[in-house]
Protein backbone atom coordinates (compact mmCIF):
# COMPACT_ATOMS: atom_id res chain seq x y z
CA MET A 1 -53.31 -45.03 -66.90
CA ASP A 2 -55.80 -42.47 -68.12
CA ILE A 3 -55.67 -39.95 -70.97
CA PHE A 4 -57.60 -36.80 -71.78
CA LEU A 5 -57.65 -34.52 -74.81
CA ILE A 6 -58.58 -30.83 -74.60
CA GLY A 7 -58.06 -28.90 -77.82
CA ASP A 8 -54.45 -29.50 -78.89
CA ALA A 9 -53.34 -30.68 -75.44
CA LEU A 10 -53.07 -34.34 -74.47
CA TYR A 11 -52.87 -35.15 -70.75
CA VAL A 12 -51.54 -38.59 -69.79
CA LEU A 13 -51.90 -39.93 -66.25
CA THR A 14 -49.34 -42.65 -65.48
CA ASP A 15 -47.87 -44.33 -62.41
CA ILE A 16 -45.16 -41.67 -62.28
CA GLY A 17 -47.38 -38.61 -62.67
CA LEU A 18 -49.45 -36.46 -64.99
CA GLY A 19 -47.85 -35.70 -68.33
CA PHE A 20 -48.70 -33.03 -70.89
CA TYR A 21 -48.10 -33.21 -74.64
CA ASP A 22 -48.68 -30.38 -77.13
CA LEU A 23 -50.19 -31.93 -80.26
CA ASN A 24 -49.02 -28.94 -82.33
CA LYS A 25 -45.46 -30.29 -82.12
CA PRO A 26 -44.28 -31.99 -85.30
CA ASP A 27 -43.23 -35.28 -83.69
CA ILE A 28 -44.99 -37.61 -81.30
CA ALA A 29 -42.45 -39.09 -78.92
CA VAL A 30 -42.43 -40.10 -75.26
CA GLU A 31 -39.56 -37.69 -74.57
CA SER A 32 -41.80 -34.79 -75.68
CA ILE A 33 -44.26 -35.36 -72.81
CA ILE A 34 -43.50 -33.03 -69.90
CA LEU A 35 -44.69 -33.52 -66.33
CA VAL A 36 -47.32 -31.35 -64.67
CA HIS A 37 -46.90 -30.43 -61.00
CA HIS A 38 -49.72 -31.80 -58.85
CA ARG A 39 -49.99 -33.00 -55.26
CA ILE A 40 -51.98 -36.26 -55.25
CA ALA A 41 -51.36 -39.73 -56.67
CA ALA A 42 -54.43 -39.83 -58.94
CA ASP A 43 -56.15 -42.73 -60.70
CA LYS A 44 -58.39 -40.81 -63.09
CA ILE A 45 -58.70 -37.51 -64.96
CA ILE A 46 -62.10 -35.81 -65.26
CA GLU A 47 -62.74 -32.72 -67.40
CA ILE A 48 -64.64 -30.00 -65.55
CA ASP A 49 -64.65 -27.59 -68.50
CA ASN A 50 -62.13 -26.39 -71.11
CA THR A 51 -60.04 -24.72 -68.40
CA LYS A 52 -60.04 -27.24 -65.56
CA LEU A 53 -59.21 -30.91 -64.94
CA LEU A 54 -59.99 -32.89 -61.81
CA LEU A 55 -57.49 -35.52 -60.68
CA VAL A 56 -59.22 -38.18 -58.61
CA SER A 57 -57.93 -40.94 -56.34
CA LYS A 58 -59.83 -43.26 -54.02
CA TYR A 59 -59.58 -40.86 -51.09
CA GLU A 60 -58.95 -37.37 -52.45
CA TYR A 61 -59.12 -35.07 -55.45
CA GLU A 62 -57.26 -32.09 -56.87
CA LEU A 63 -58.58 -29.41 -59.22
CA LEU A 64 -56.08 -28.23 -61.84
CA ASP A 65 -56.53 -24.87 -63.55
CA LEU A 66 -55.13 -25.43 -67.06
CA ASP A 67 -54.33 -21.73 -67.52
CA ASN A 68 -52.05 -21.76 -64.46
CA LEU A 69 -50.34 -25.16 -64.64
CA HIS A 70 -46.71 -25.47 -63.60
CA TYR A 71 -44.51 -27.90 -65.51
CA SER A 72 -41.47 -29.86 -64.42
CA HIS A 73 -38.20 -29.24 -66.24
CA LYS A 74 -37.89 -33.03 -66.66
CA ASN A 75 -39.89 -34.86 -69.25
CA ILE A 76 -41.76 -38.05 -68.43
CA GLU A 77 -39.03 -40.28 -69.88
CA GLU A 78 -36.31 -38.68 -67.68
CA ARG A 79 -38.43 -39.10 -64.56
CA PHE A 80 -39.12 -42.75 -65.43
CA VAL A 81 -35.42 -43.53 -65.94
CA ILE A 82 -34.47 -41.76 -62.70
CA GLY A 83 -37.24 -43.63 -60.86
CA ILE A 84 -35.90 -47.05 -61.87
CA GLY A 85 -33.85 -48.60 -59.11
CA VAL A 86 -35.17 -46.26 -56.44
CA SER A 87 -36.86 -48.19 -53.68
C-alpha cells in the first residue's frame, strides 16, 4: 500500500487498484474512495509534478496525467466486496 497527497486529493494504492479521495468532502469513509483507471499492477506512487503521478512496479511504469484521469463508477469498497470469492 502506498499513499500520496496532492493539494486536496489523496491517492491510495492498494492490492485492488489506485483509489482517489477528495479531501474537500465532509466525511472520510472508505466508500468515498473511487477507483482510478490505470493499466499496470503498481507497487509505488511517485509524484512527477502537481499534474502527474508515476505508478511503478518491478518491471514497468505508467504515467498518469491528473487533469485527464478516468474514474470507475464503482468505489473501492464495492470493488473489494466483488473481488472476494473470485479466484
